[in-house]
């Protein structure tokens, strides 16, 4: 995982569909070859994290499986 501050040219940023109407506490992601960029939606020109595509896949799978246990 790295933090960088590269220009956002040609990047398509998106939020989770679970973000709903609350735009104050969201992260945004952009897909690039082999990696996923992550940034704070409140500070889009600030630093962002870069993680490998496999690490992101693992994270999302864990988040999805955990969300089913939230009421337990």
N, C-alpha and C. Protein backbone atom coordinates (compact mmCIF):
# COMPACT_ATOMS: atom_id res chain seq x y z
N UNK A 1 0.85 -1.17 0.00
CA UNK A 1 0.00 0.00 0.00
C UNK A 1 0.89 1.23 0.00
N UNK A 2 0.54 2.19 -0.82
CA UNK A 2 1.31 3.42 -0.88
C UNK A 2 0.37 4.61 -0.84
N UNK A 3 0.92 5.75 -0.47
CA UNK A 3 0.18 7.01 -0.54
C UNK A 3 0.83 7.84 -1.63
N UNK A 4 0.03 8.47 -2.46
CA UNK A 4 0.59 9.28 -3.53
C UNK A 4 -0.25 10.52 -3.76
N UNK A 5 0.23 11.34 -4.63
CA UNK A 5 -0.47 12.57 -4.97
C UNK A 5 -0.29 12.84 -6.46
N UNK A 6 -0.78 11.94 -7.28
CA UNK A 6 -0.67 12.08 -8.73
C UNK A 6 -1.89 12.81 -9.27
N UNK A 7 -1.76 13.42 -10.44
CA UNK A 7 -2.93 14.09 -11.03
C UNK A 7 -4.04 13.09 -11.36
N UNK A 8 -5.26 13.56 -11.34
CA UNK A 8 -6.43 12.71 -11.55
C UNK A 8 -6.89 12.65 -13.01
N UNK A 9 -6.03 12.98 -13.94
CA UNK A 9 -6.46 12.97 -15.34
C UNK A 9 -6.85 11.55 -15.76
N UNK A 10 -7.95 11.48 -16.43
CA UNK A 10 -8.46 10.21 -16.97
C UNK A 10 -8.89 9.20 -15.92
N UNK A 11 -9.02 9.58 -14.67
CA UNK A 11 -9.49 8.65 -13.64
C UNK A 11 -10.99 8.82 -13.45
N UNK A 12 -11.68 7.72 -13.25
CA UNK A 12 -13.11 7.75 -12.97
C UNK A 12 -13.29 7.32 -11.52
N UNK A 13 -13.67 8.26 -10.66
CA UNK A 13 -13.85 7.99 -9.24
C UNK A 13 -15.31 7.64 -8.97
N UNK A 14 -15.54 6.70 -8.06
CA UNK A 14 -16.91 6.35 -7.70
C UNK A 14 -17.00 6.00 -6.23
N UNK A 15 -18.21 6.14 -5.69
CA UNK A 15 -18.49 5.80 -4.29
C UNK A 15 -19.28 4.51 -4.25
N UNK A 16 -19.28 3.90 -3.11
CA UNK A 16 -20.08 2.69 -2.90
C UNK A 16 -21.56 3.01 -3.06
N UNK A 17 -22.30 2.04 -3.54
CA UNK A 17 -23.75 2.21 -3.63
C UNK A 17 -24.38 2.30 -2.25
N UNK A 18 -23.66 1.90 -1.22
CA UNK A 18 -24.15 1.98 0.15
C UNK A 18 -23.94 3.37 0.76
N UNK A 19 -23.31 4.28 0.02
CA UNK A 19 -23.06 5.62 0.54
C UNK A 19 -24.35 6.40 0.77
N UNK A 20 -25.38 6.13 -0.03
CA UNK A 20 -26.66 6.80 0.15
C UNK A 20 -26.55 8.29 -0.05
N UNK A 21 -27.39 9.03 0.66
CA UNK A 21 -27.41 10.48 0.53
C UNK A 21 -26.39 11.19 1.39
N UNK A 22 -25.77 10.49 2.31
CA UNK A 22 -24.79 11.12 3.20
C UNK A 22 -23.46 11.24 2.48
N UNK A 23 -23.15 12.44 2.02
CA UNK A 23 -21.91 12.64 1.27
C UNK A 23 -20.78 13.14 2.15
N UNK A 24 -20.95 13.17 3.45
CA UNK A 24 -19.92 13.73 4.32
C UNK A 24 -18.91 12.69 4.81
N UNK A 25 -19.21 11.43 4.71
CA UNK A 25 -18.30 10.42 5.26
C UNK A 25 -18.13 9.26 4.28
N UNK A 26 -17.54 9.54 3.13
CA UNK A 26 -17.41 8.52 2.10
C UNK A 26 -15.97 8.44 1.61
N UNK A 27 -15.64 7.29 1.12
CA UNK A 27 -14.41 7.14 0.37
C UNK A 27 -14.79 6.91 -1.08
N UNK A 28 -13.90 7.27 -1.96
CA UNK A 28 -14.10 7.05 -3.38
C UNK A 28 -12.97 6.17 -3.88
N UNK A 29 -13.25 5.40 -4.90
CA UNK A 29 -12.23 4.54 -5.49
C UNK A 29 -12.16 4.78 -6.99
N UNK A 30 -11.00 4.51 -7.53
CA UNK A 30 -10.79 4.55 -8.98
C UNK A 30 -9.97 3.31 -9.34
N UNK A 31 -10.35 2.67 -10.43
CA UNK A 31 -9.65 1.48 -10.87
C UNK A 31 -8.58 1.85 -11.89
N UNK A 32 -7.38 1.35 -11.68
CA UNK A 32 -6.27 1.51 -12.62
C UNK A 32 -5.69 0.12 -12.86
N UNK A 33 -4.95 -0.09 -13.91
CA UNK A 33 -4.42 -1.43 -14.20
C UNK A 33 -3.66 -2.03 -13.01
N UNK A 34 -4.18 -3.12 -12.47
CA UNK A 34 -3.52 -3.84 -11.39
C UNK A 34 -3.67 -3.25 -10.00
N UNK A 35 -4.34 -2.11 -9.88
CA UNK A 35 -4.45 -1.44 -8.58
C UNK A 35 -5.79 -0.75 -8.42
N UNK A 36 -6.05 -0.32 -7.19
CA UNK A 36 -7.23 0.48 -6.87
C UNK A 36 -6.75 1.68 -6.08
N UNK A 37 -7.21 2.86 -6.46
CA UNK A 37 -6.89 4.09 -5.73
C UNK A 37 -8.05 4.40 -4.80
N UNK A 38 -7.74 4.88 -3.61
CA UNK A 38 -8.74 5.19 -2.59
C UNK A 38 -8.48 6.60 -2.06
N UNK A 39 -9.54 7.40 -1.99
CA UNK A 39 -9.38 8.76 -1.46
C UNK A 39 -10.58 9.15 -0.62
N UNK A 40 -10.40 10.16 0.19
CA UNK A 40 -11.47 10.74 1.02
C UNK A 40 -12.29 11.66 0.13
N UNK A 41 -13.59 11.42 0.05
CA UNK A 41 -14.44 12.23 -0.82
C UNK A 41 -14.51 13.69 -0.39
N UNK A 42 -14.24 13.97 0.88
CA UNK A 42 -14.27 15.35 1.37
C UNK A 42 -13.00 16.10 0.96
N UNK A 43 -11.93 15.35 0.61
CA UNK A 43 -10.66 15.97 0.26
C UNK A 43 -10.11 15.34 -1.02
N UNK A 44 -10.80 15.52 -2.12
CA UNK A 44 -10.43 14.81 -3.34
C UNK A 44 -9.06 15.18 -3.92
N UNK A 45 -8.52 16.33 -3.58
CA UNK A 45 -7.20 16.69 -4.10
C UNK A 45 -6.08 16.35 -3.14
N UNK A 46 -6.41 15.73 -2.03
CA UNK A 46 -5.40 15.34 -1.04
C UNK A 46 -4.78 14.00 -1.45
N UNK A 47 -3.95 13.47 -0.59
CA UNK A 47 -3.30 12.19 -0.86
C UNK A 47 -4.32 11.08 -0.95
N UNK A 48 -3.91 10.01 -1.57
CA UNK A 48 -4.75 8.83 -1.67
C UNK A 48 -3.91 7.59 -1.49
N UNK A 49 -4.59 6.49 -1.26
CA UNK A 49 -3.91 5.21 -1.09
C UNK A 49 -3.99 4.42 -2.39
N UNK A 50 -2.97 3.64 -2.64
CA UNK A 50 -2.97 2.72 -3.77
C UNK A 50 -2.80 1.32 -3.20
N UNK A 51 -3.71 0.43 -3.52
CA UNK A 51 -3.61 -0.96 -3.09
C UNK A 51 -3.69 -1.85 -4.32
N UNK A 52 -3.15 -3.05 -4.21
CA UNK A 52 -3.22 -3.98 -5.34
C UNK A 52 -4.66 -4.41 -5.56
N UNK A 53 -4.95 -4.81 -6.77
CA UNK A 53 -6.30 -5.28 -7.10
C UNK A 53 -6.66 -6.49 -6.25
N UNK A 54 -5.71 -7.38 -5.99
CA UNK A 54 -6.01 -8.56 -5.17
C UNK A 54 -6.28 -8.18 -3.72
N UNK A 55 -5.57 -7.20 -3.19
CA UNK A 55 -5.83 -6.74 -1.82
C UNK A 55 -7.22 -6.11 -1.72
N UNK A 56 -7.62 -5.35 -2.73
CA UNK A 56 -8.94 -4.73 -2.74
C UNK A 56 -10.04 -5.78 -2.81
N UNK A 57 -9.84 -6.79 -3.66
CA UNK A 57 -10.80 -7.89 -3.78
C UNK A 57 -10.96 -8.59 -2.43
N UNK A 58 -9.87 -8.84 -1.74
CA UNK A 58 -9.90 -9.48 -0.42
C UNK A 58 -10.64 -8.60 0.58
N UNK A 59 -10.37 -7.30 0.57
CA UNK A 59 -11.03 -6.36 1.49
C UNK A 59 -12.54 -6.33 1.26
N UNK A 60 -12.95 -6.21 -0.01
CA UNK A 60 -14.38 -6.14 -0.32
C UNK A 60 -15.08 -7.44 0.07
N UNK A 61 -14.46 -8.58 -0.20
CA UNK A 61 -15.05 -9.86 0.17
C UNK A 61 -15.23 -9.95 1.69
N UNK A 62 -14.24 -9.50 2.44
CA UNK A 62 -14.34 -9.50 3.90
C UNK A 62 -15.42 -8.56 4.40
N UNK A 63 -15.53 -7.39 3.77
CA UNK A 63 -16.57 -6.43 4.17
C UNK A 63 -17.95 -6.98 3.89
N UNK A 64 -18.10 -7.63 2.75
CA UNK A 64 -19.41 -8.21 2.41
C UNK A 64 -19.79 -9.31 3.38
N UNK A 65 -18.86 -10.18 3.74
CA UNK A 65 -19.18 -11.28 4.65
C UNK A 65 -19.44 -10.76 6.06
N UNK A 66 -18.78 -9.69 6.45
CA UNK A 66 -18.99 -9.10 7.77
C UNK A 66 -20.33 -8.38 7.87
N UNK A 67 -20.77 -7.81 6.77
CA UNK A 67 -22.02 -7.04 6.81
C UNK A 67 -23.21 -7.93 7.11
N UNK A 68 -23.12 -9.20 6.76
CA UNK A 68 -24.21 -10.14 7.09
C UNK A 68 -24.26 -10.49 8.56
N UNK A 69 -23.16 -10.23 9.27
CA UNK A 69 -23.09 -10.54 10.70
C UNK A 69 -23.29 -9.31 11.57
N UNK A 70 -23.60 -8.19 10.98
CA UNK A 70 -23.72 -6.94 11.75
C UNK A 70 -24.80 -6.99 12.80
N UNK A 71 -25.87 -7.74 12.58
CA UNK A 71 -26.94 -7.77 13.55
C UNK A 71 -26.75 -8.86 14.60
N UNK A 72 -25.71 -9.67 14.43
CA UNK A 72 -25.47 -10.78 15.38
C UNK A 72 -24.83 -10.29 16.64
